[in-house]
C-alpha atoms as a PDB file:
ATOM      1  CA  MET A   1      35.152 -47.075  39.617  1.00  0.00           C
ATOM      2  CA  LEU A   2      33.393 -44.606  41.926  1.00  0.00           C
ATOM      3  CA  LYS A   3      35.644 -45.685  44.803  1.00  0.00           C
ATOM      4  CA  ILE A   4      38.802 -45.126  42.745  1.00  0.00           C
ATOM      5  CA  VAL A   5      37.788 -41.713  41.354  1.00  0.00           C
ATOM      6  CA  ALA A   6      36.458 -40.474  44.708  1.00  0.00           C
ATOM      7  CA  ALA A   7      39.634 -41.549  46.512  1.00  0.00           C
ATOM      8  CA  GLN A   8      41.774 -39.833  43.851  1.00  0.00           C
ATOM      9  CA  MET A   9      39.801 -36.632  44.426  1.00  0.00           C
ATOM     10  CA  ALA A  10      40.027 -36.855  48.246  1.00  0.00           C
ATOM     11  CA  VAL A  11      36.342 -37.613  48.808  1.00  0.00           C
ATOM     12  CA  ASN A  12      35.231 -40.553  50.943  1.00  0.00           C
ATOM     13  CA  PRO A  13      33.244 -42.810  48.562  1.00  0.00           C
ATOM     14  CA  ASP A  14      31.050 -43.919  51.491  1.00  0.00           C
ATOM     15  CA  GLN A  15      29.724 -40.341  51.588  1.00  0.00           C
ATOM     16  CA  ILE A  16      28.372 -40.689  48.037  1.00  0.00           C
ATOM     17  CA  GLU A  17      25.056 -42.197  47.002  1.00  0.00           C
ATOM     18  CA  LEU A  18      25.287 -43.191  43.338  1.00  0.00           C
ATOM     19  CA  PHE A  19      22.301 -43.949  41.170  1.00  0.00           C
ATOM     20  CA  PHE A  20      21.605 -44.225  37.454  1.00  0.00           C
ATOM     21  CA  TYR A  21      19.076 -42.877  34.973  1.00  0.00           C
ATOM     22  CA  ASP A  22      18.244 -43.533  31.322  1.00  0.00           C
ATOM     23  CA  GLN A  23      17.964 -40.413  29.254  1.00  0.00           C
ATOM     24  CA  GLN A  24      18.018 -42.278  25.953  1.00  0.00           C
ATOM     25  CA  LEU A  25      14.457 -43.577  26.158  1.00  0.00           C
ATOM     26  CA  LYS A  26      11.441 -41.737  27.436  1.00  0.00           C
ATOM     27  CA  GLU A  27       8.297 -43.523  28.450  1.00  0.00           C
ATOM     28  CA  TYR A  28       4.815 -42.106  27.999  1.00  0.00           C
ATOM     29  CA  GLY A  29       1.850 -43.967  29.352  1.00  0.00           C
ATOM     30  CA  GLY A  30      -1.751 -43.886  30.332  1.00  0.00           C
ATOM     31  CA  SER A  31      -4.814 -46.134  30.146  1.00  0.00           C
ATOM     32  CA  GLY A  32      -2.655 -49.238  29.784  1.00  0.00           C
ATOM     33  CA  LEU A  33      -0.802 -47.818  26.769  1.00  0.00           C
ATOM     34  CA  ARG A  34       2.959 -47.340  26.938  1.00  0.00           C
ATOM     35  CA  LEU A  35       4.934 -45.475  24.289  1.00  0.00           C
ATOM     36  CA  PHE A  36       8.689 -44.996  24.166  1.00  0.00           C
ATOM     37  CA  SER A  37      10.647 -42.351  22.310  1.00  0.00           C
ATOM     38  CA  GLN A  38      14.262 -41.341  21.984  1.00  0.00           C
ATOM     39  CA  GLN A  39      15.653 -37.987  23.016  1.00  0.00           C
ATOM     40  CA  SER A  40      14.550 -35.195  20.692  1.00  0.00           C
ATOM     41  CA  PRO A  41      17.144 -33.402  18.523  1.00  0.00           C
ATOM     42  CA  GLY A  42      18.401 -30.305  20.327  1.00  0.00           C
ATOM     43  CA  GLU A  43      17.221 -31.591  23.701  1.00  0.00           C
ATOM     44  CA  LYS A  44      19.855 -31.066  26.394  1.00  0.00           C
ATOM     45  CA  TYR A  45      21.704 -34.229  27.343  1.00  0.00           C
ATOM     46  CA  ALA A  46      23.514 -34.733  30.653  1.00  0.00           C
ATOM     47  CA  SER A  47      25.915 -37.610  31.251  1.00  0.00           C
ATOM     48  CA  GLY A  48      25.719 -37.024  34.993  1.00  0.00           C
ATOM     49  CA  LYS A  49      23.957 -34.978  37.650  1.00  0.00           C
ATOM     50  CA  TYR A  50      24.781 -33.680  41.117  1.00  0.00           C
ATOM     51  CA  TYR A  51      21.921 -33.273  43.596  1.00  0.00           C
ATOM     52  CA  GLY A  52      23.552 -32.185  46.848  1.00  0.00           C
ATOM     53  CA  LYS A  53      23.058 -34.116  50.095  1.00  0.00           C
ATOM     54  CA  ASN A  54      20.308 -36.578  50.965  1.00  0.00           C
ATOM     55  CA  GLU A  55      18.652 -36.984  54.383  1.00  0.00           C
ATOM     56  CA  TYR A  56      21.582 -39.196  55.499  1.00  0.00           C
ATOM     57  CA  SER A  57      24.140 -36.462  54.646  1.00  0.00           C
ATOM     58  CA  GLN A  58      25.434 -38.393  51.655  1.00  0.00           C
ATOM     59  CA  TYR A  59      26.186 -36.560  48.423  1.00  0.00           C
ATOM     60  CA  GLN A  60      23.915 -37.728  45.618  1.00  0.00           C
ATOM     61  CA  ILE A  61      25.193 -38.111  42.078  1.00  0.00           C
ATOM     62  CA  ALA A  62      23.584 -39.820  39.126  1.00  0.00           C
ATOM     63  CA  ILE A  63      25.132 -41.258  35.986  1.00  0.00           C
ATOM     64  CA  GLU A  64      23.343 -41.751  32.681  1.00  0.00           C
ATOM     65  CA  LEU A  65      23.265 -45.478  31.861  1.00  0.00           C
ATOM     66  CA  SER A  66      24.971 -45.125  28.473  1.00  0.00           C
ATOM     67  CA  GLU A  67      28.125 -43.941  30.289  1.00  0.00           C
ATOM     68  CA  LEU A  68      28.603 -47.502  31.559  1.00  0.00           C
ATOM     69  CA  LYS A  69      29.563 -48.550  28.003  1.00  0.00           C
ATOM     70  CA  ASP A  70      32.597 -46.245  27.928  1.00  0.00           C
ATOM     71  CA  ALA A  71      35.154 -46.527  30.745  1.00  0.00           C
ATOM     72  CA  GLY A  72      36.936 -43.263  29.877  1.00  0.00           C
ATOM     73  CA  GLY A  73      33.663 -41.355  29.643  1.00  0.00           C
ATOM     74  CA  LEU A  74      32.508 -42.857  32.919  1.00  0.00           C
ATOM     75  CA  VAL A  75      35.680 -41.712  34.703  1.00  0.00           C
ATOM     76  CA  ALA A  76      35.252 -38.222  33.198  1.00  0.00           C
ATOM     77  CA  THR A  77      31.619 -38.035  34.292  1.00  0.00           C
ATOM     78  CA  LEU A  78      32.343 -39.297  37.801  1.00  0.00           C
ATOM     79  CA  ALA A  79      35.239 -36.832  38.127  1.00  0.00           C
ATOM     80  CA  HIS A  80      32.995 -33.963  37.006  1.00  0.00           C
ATOM     81  CA  GLU A  81      30.219 -34.861  39.441  1.00  0.00           C
ATOM     82  CA  ILE A  82      32.692 -35.350  42.298  1.00  0.00           C
ATOM     83  CA  ALA A  83      34.137 -31.940  41.396  1.00  0.00           C
ATOM     84  CA  HIS A  84      30.663 -30.562  42.222  1.00  0.00           C
ATOM     85  CA  ILE A  85      31.054 -32.170  45.638  1.00  0.00           C
ATOM     86  CA  LYS A  86      34.458 -30.476  46.059  1.00  0.00           C
ATOM     87  CA  LEU A  87      33.088 -27.049  45.094  1.00  0.00           C
ATOM     88  CA  LEU A  88      29.431 -26.968  46.145  1.00  0.00           C
ATOM     89  CA  GLY A  89      29.152 -29.845  48.599  1.00  0.00           C
ATOM     90  CA  GLU A  90      32.211 -28.796  50.582  1.00  0.00           C
ATOM     91  CA  GLU A  91      30.955 -25.196  50.347  1.00  0.00           C
ATOM     92  CA  ARG A  92      33.995 -23.774  48.570  1.00  0.00           C
ATOM     93  CA  MET A  93      31.586 -21.916  46.268  1.00  0.00           C
ATOM     94  CA  LYS A  94      28.018 -20.751  46.712  1.00  0.00           C
ATOM     95  CA  PHE A  95      26.997 -20.873  43.050  1.00  0.00           C
ATOM     96  CA  ASN A  96      27.544 -23.504  40.393  1.00  0.00           C
ATOM     97  CA  ASP A  97      30.181 -22.729  37.771  1.00  0.00           C
ATOM     98  CA  GLU A  98      30.342 -25.580  35.242  1.00  0.00           C
ATOM     99  CA  HIS A  99      33.528 -24.334  33.568  1.00  0.00           C
ATOM    100  CA  LEU A 100      35.394 -24.251  36.869  1.00  0.00           C
ATOM    101  CA  THR A 101      33.896 -27.617  37.792  1.00  0.00           C
ATOM    102  CA  GLU A 102      35.348 -29.039  34.569  1.00  0.00           C
ATOM    103  CA  LEU A 103      38.858 -27.980  35.597  1.00  0.00           C
ATOM    104  CA  ILE A 104      38.866 -29.490  39.094  1.00  0.00           C
ATOM    105  CA  PRO A 105      39.723 -33.033  37.841  1.00  0.00           C
ATOM    106  CA  VAL A 106      42.954 -31.603  36.356  1.00  0.00           C
ATOM    107  CA  ILE A 107      44.188 -30.722  39.841  1.00  0.00           C
ATOM    108  CA  TYR A 108      43.503 -34.281  41.010  1.00  0.00           C
ATOM    109  CA  GLY A 109      45.260 -35.916  38.043  1.00  0.00           C
ATOM    110  CA  LEU A 110      42.133 -36.942  36.136  1.00  0.00           C
ATOM    111  CA  GLY A 111      41.969 -34.172  33.530  1.00  0.00           C
ATOM    112  CA  ILE A 112      43.106 -36.496  30.742  1.00  0.00           C
ATOM    113  CA  PHE A 113      39.794 -38.355  30.905  1.00  0.00           C
ATOM    114  CA  ASN A 114      37.710 -35.191  30.668  1.00  0.00           C
ATOM    115  CA  ALA A 115      39.919 -33.769  27.907  1.00  0.00           C
ATOM    116  CA  ASN A 116      39.688 -36.950  25.843  1.00  0.00           C
ATOM    117  CA  THR A 117      35.886 -36.941  25.966  1.00  0.00           C
ATOM    118  CA  ALA A 118      35.498 -33.286  24.951  1.00  0.00           C
ATOM    119  CA  PHE A 119      35.256 -34.194  21.254  1.00  0.00           C
ATOM    120  CA  ARG A 120      35.250 -37.688  19.764  1.00  0.00           C
ATOM    121  CA  PHE A 121      34.471 -39.082  16.350  1.00  0.00           C
ATOM    122  CA  TYR A 122      32.585 -42.341  16.021  1.00  0.00           C
ATOM    123  CA  ALA A 123      31.802 -44.600  13.107  1.00  0.00           C
ATOM    124  CA  THR A 124      29.485 -47.550  12.667  1.00  0.00           C
ATOM    125  CA  HIS A 125      28.838 -49.720   9.630  1.00  0.00           C
ATOM    126  CA  ASP A 126      26.245 -47.244   8.317  1.00  0.00           C
ATOM    127  CA  SER A 127      26.994 -43.869   9.913  1.00  0.00           C
ATOM    128  CA  TRP A 128      29.597 -41.587  11.416  1.00  0.00           C
ATOM    129  CA  GLY A 129      29.544 -38.493  13.543  1.00  0.00           C
ATOM    130  CA  TYR A 130      30.952 -36.901  16.648  1.00  0.00           C
ATOM    131  CA  LYS A 131      30.095 -36.674  20.301  1.00  0.00           C
ATOM    132  CA  ARG A 132      30.885 -33.819  22.668  1.00  0.00           C
ATOM    133  CA  GLN A 133      30.953 -34.146  26.421  1.00  0.00           C
ATOM    134  CA  GLY A 134      31.433 -31.426  28.979  1.00  0.00           C
ATOM    135  CA  TYR A 135      31.587 -27.656  28.867  1.00  0.00           C
ATOM    136  CA  LEU A 136      35.106 -27.069  27.531  1.00  0.00           C
ATOM    137  CA  SER A 137      36.293 -27.523  23.947  1.00  0.00           C
ATOM    138  CA  GLN A 138      39.231 -29.747  23.110  1.00  0.00           C
ATOM    139  CA  GLN A 139      41.293 -26.586  22.513  1.00  0.00           C
ATOM    140  CA  MET A 140      40.449 -25.303  25.994  1.00  0.00           C
ATOM    141  CA  TRP A 141      41.417 -28.672  27.453  1.00  0.00           C
ATOM    142  CA  GLY A 142      44.718 -28.672  25.576  1.00  0.00           C
ATOM    143  CA  TYR A 143      45.571 -25.252  26.951  1.00  0.00           C
ATOM    144  CA  ALA A 144      44.383 -26.073  30.487  1.00  0.00           C
ATOM    145  CA  LEU A 145      46.583 -29.165  30.592  1.00  0.00           C
ATOM    146  CA  ALA A 146      49.521 -27.212  29.112  1.00  0.00           C
ATOM    147  CA  LEU A 147      49.098 -24.602  31.839  1.00  0.00           C
ATOM    148  CA  PHE A 148      48.949 -27.366  34.452  1.00  0.00           C
ATOM    149  CA  ALA A 149      52.213 -28.873  33.137  1.00  0.00           C
ATOM    150  CA  HIS A 150      53.818 -25.419  32.883  1.00  0.00           C
ATOM    151  CA  ILE A 151      52.927 -24.524  36.486  1.00  0.00           C
ATOM    152  CA  ARG A 152      54.332 -27.857  37.660  1.00  0.00           C
ATOM    153  CA  LYS A 153      57.487 -27.228  35.591  1.00  0.00           C
ATOM    154  CA  GLU A 154      56.965 -30.446  33.630  1.00  0.00           C
ATOM    155  CA  ARG A 155      58.909 -29.976  30.386  1.00  0.00           C
ATOM    156  CA  ASP A 156      57.927 -33.281  28.749  1.00  0.00           C
ATOM    157  CA  PRO A 157      55.212 -34.932  30.848  1.00  0.00           C
ATOM    158  CA  GLU A 158      54.868 -38.691  30.450  1.00  0.00           C
ATOM    159  CA  TRP A 159      51.060 -38.462  30.677  1.00  0.00           C
ATOM    160  CA  VAL A 160      50.713 -36.464  27.429  1.00  0.00           C
ATOM    161  CA  LYS A 161      50.951 -39.694  25.412  1.00  0.00           C
ATOM    162  CA  TYR A 162      47.524 -40.670  26.795  1.00  0.00           C
ATOM    163  CA  LEU A 163      45.768 -37.639  25.290  1.00  0.00           C
ATOM    164  CA  THR A 164      43.813 -38.076  22.077  1.00  0.00           C
ATOM    165  CA  THR A 165      45.589 -36.863  18.953  1.00  0.00           C
ATOM    166  CA  ASN A 166      43.667 -33.584  18.736  1.00  0.00           C
ATOM    167  CA  VAL A 167      43.954 -32.700  22.426  1.00  0.00           C
ATOM    168  CA  ARG A 168      47.658 -33.584  22.345  1.00  0.00           C
ATOM    169  CA  ALA A 169      48.165 -31.189  19.404  1.00  0.00           C
ATOM    170  CA  ASP A 170      46.338 -28.423  21.302  1.00  0.00           C
ATOM    171  CA  PHE A 171      48.400 -29.212  24.398  1.00  0.00           C
ATOM    172  CA  LYS A 172      51.629 -28.818  22.415  1.00  0.00           C
ATOM    173  CA  LYS A 173      50.487 -25.480  20.933  1.00  0.00           C
ATOM    174  CA  GLY A 174      49.507 -24.199  24.367  1.00  0.00           C
ATOM    175  CA  PHE A 175      52.723 -25.419  25.957  1.00  0.00           C
ATOM    176  CA  LYS A 176      54.825 -23.816  23.229  1.00  0.00           C
ATOM    177  CA  PHE A 177      53.003 -20.517  23.773  1.00  0.00           C
ATOM    178  CA  LEU A 178      53.511 -20.663  27.534  1.00  0.00           C
ATOM    179  CA  GLU A 179      57.192 -21.521  27.206  1.00  0.00           C
ATOM    180  CA  GLY A 180      57.705 -18.646  24.755  1.00  0.00           C
ATOM    181  CA  ASN A 181      55.864 -16.154  26.927  1.00  0.00           C
ATOM    182  CA  SER A 182      56.966 -17.104  30.424  1.00  0.00           C
ATOM    183  CA  GLY A 183      57.725 -13.452  31.218  1.00  0.00           C
ATOM    184  CA  LEU A 184      54.060 -12.440  30.937  1.00  0.00           C
ATOM    185  CA  ARG A 185      52.404 -11.401  34.164  1.00  0.00           C
ATOM    186  CA  ILE A 186      48.745 -11.542  35.040  1.00  0.00           C
ATOM    187  CA  VAL A 187      47.359  -8.071  35.756  1.00  0.00           C
ATOM    188  CA  ARG A 188      44.446  -7.935  38.161  1.00  0.00           C
END
């Protein structure tokens, strides 16, 4: 999957060193005793990490192991980390901006994956809840994708059917606003 996402984002996959980490379990040890614990409530979780270049001039990115269970989430995470390569690694920016990094996959046609992982419900036989991924809300994603379609003059993009129900609704609201206010100008 790395090869596909990197190629889509115009990065040579051979220039990327990919490794994995497990943030779900933490190991504590000493004197032959090993204890394991899960992530604490409120502790910051990262589905991926960008480290810059290694000694062989390869970009280093890491993916949290649980992402391997969800193909859409894995694509979103890889696209986000490769976006760091596009911005920081290729020296287009000097400082990290996570919100801008989130939007880079849109330009390369992968924004649907990131948008669909922004907010998801889940249910098991004994519980339910939601999971958020990334730095933008589903509403922000809906508007960002609407703006992308509007700029490209796509009146009824085929790809919208692949958005989750909530993101698709936010896309439609954003697109309707943009269509109704096309005479607005950005003042700098």
